[in-house]
């Protein structure tokens, strides 16, 4: 139904087909991205 309405509006020239491209880059922390963590020294403060 929505597709038919869009087709009618487009045929009547009521629509302006504007394409907006967003170039936002999302970066994750290296550990969140699955990177290998360095070995840590044993914790000597354990009880």
C-alpha atoms as a PDB file:
ATOM      1  CA  UNK A   1       0.000   0.000   0.000  1.00  0.00           C
ATOM      2  CA  UNK A   2       2.777   2.431   0.923  1.00  0.00           C
ATOM      3  CA  UNK A   3       4.626   1.562  -2.272  1.00  0.00           C
ATOM      4  CA  UNK A   4       1.543   2.422  -4.327  1.00  0.00           C
ATOM      5  CA  UNK A   5       1.228   5.801  -2.580  1.00  0.00           C
ATOM      6  CA  UNK A   6       4.894   6.540  -3.234  1.00  0.00           C
ATOM      7  CA  UNK A   7       4.493   5.602  -6.893  1.00  0.00           C
ATOM      8  CA  UNK A   8       1.479   7.915  -7.270  1.00  0.00           C
ATOM      9  CA  UNK A   9       3.222  10.815  -5.538  1.00  0.00           C
ATOM     10  CA  UNK A  10       6.356  10.288  -7.630  1.00  0.00           C
ATOM     11  CA  UNK A  11       4.339  10.181 -10.865  1.00  0.00           C
ATOM     12  CA  UNK A  12       2.610  13.437  -9.880  1.00  0.00           C
ATOM     13  CA  UNK A  13       5.989  15.063  -9.191  1.00  0.00           C
ATOM     14  CA  UNK A  14       5.213  15.542  -5.500  1.00  0.00           C
ATOM     15  CA  UNK A  15       8.388  13.831  -4.302  1.00  0.00           C
ATOM     16  CA  UNK A  16      11.957  15.071  -4.334  1.00  0.00           C
ATOM     17  CA  UNK A  17      14.302  12.102  -4.153  1.00  0.00           C
ATOM     18  CA  UNK A  18      17.216  13.426  -2.101  1.00  0.00           C
ATOM     19  CA  UNK A  19      19.965  11.072  -0.998  1.00  0.00           C
ATOM     20  CA  UNK A  20      21.992  12.066   2.050  1.00  0.00           C
ATOM     21  CA  UNK A  21      25.217  10.207   2.795  1.00  0.00           C
ATOM     22  CA  UNK A  22      26.651  10.283   6.299  1.00  0.00           C
ATOM     23  CA  UNK A  23      30.386   9.651   6.521  1.00  0.00           C
ATOM     24  CA  UNK A  24      30.505   9.333  10.306  1.00  0.00           C
ATOM     25  CA  UNK A  25      33.155   6.900  11.520  1.00  0.00           C
ATOM     26  CA  UNK A  26      32.549   4.904  14.675  1.00  0.00           C
ATOM     27  CA  UNK A  27      35.657   3.654  16.413  1.00  0.00           C
ATOM     28  CA  UNK A  28      35.806   1.082  19.177  1.00  0.00           C
ATOM     29  CA  UNK A  29      38.438   0.616  21.852  1.00  0.00           C
ATOM     30  CA  UNK A  30      41.096  -1.908  20.800  1.00  0.00           C
ATOM     31  CA  UNK A  31      39.943  -4.432  23.421  1.00  0.00           C
ATOM     32  CA  UNK A  32      36.324  -4.080  22.352  1.00  0.00           C
ATOM     33  CA  UNK A  33      37.351  -4.863  18.781  1.00  0.00           C
ATOM     34  CA  UNK A  34      38.747  -8.285  19.729  1.00  0.00           C
ATOM     35  CA  UNK A  35      42.430  -7.329  19.842  1.00  0.00           C
ATOM     36  CA  UNK A  36      44.732  -9.636  21.784  1.00  0.00           C
ATOM     37  CA  UNK A  37      45.461  -8.307  25.265  1.00  0.00           C
ATOM     38  CA  UNK A  38      49.034  -8.234  26.563  1.00  0.00           C
ATOM     39  CA  UNK A  39      49.887 -10.679  29.355  1.00  0.00           C
ATOM     40  CA  UNK A  40      49.621  -9.099  32.782  1.00  0.00           C
ATOM     41  CA  UNK A  41      51.936  -9.652  35.731  1.00  0.00           C
ATOM     42  CA  UNK A  42      50.483 -11.796  38.537  1.00  0.00           C
ATOM     43  CA  UNK A  43      48.611  -9.804  41.149  1.00  0.00           C
ATOM     44  CA  UNK A  44      50.627  -9.931  44.383  1.00  0.00           C
ATOM     45  CA  UNK A  45      47.944  -8.171  46.396  1.00  0.00           C
ATOM     46  CA  UNK A  46      45.650 -11.182  46.651  1.00  0.00           C
ATOM     47  CA  UNK A  47      44.789 -12.372  50.134  1.00  0.00           C
END
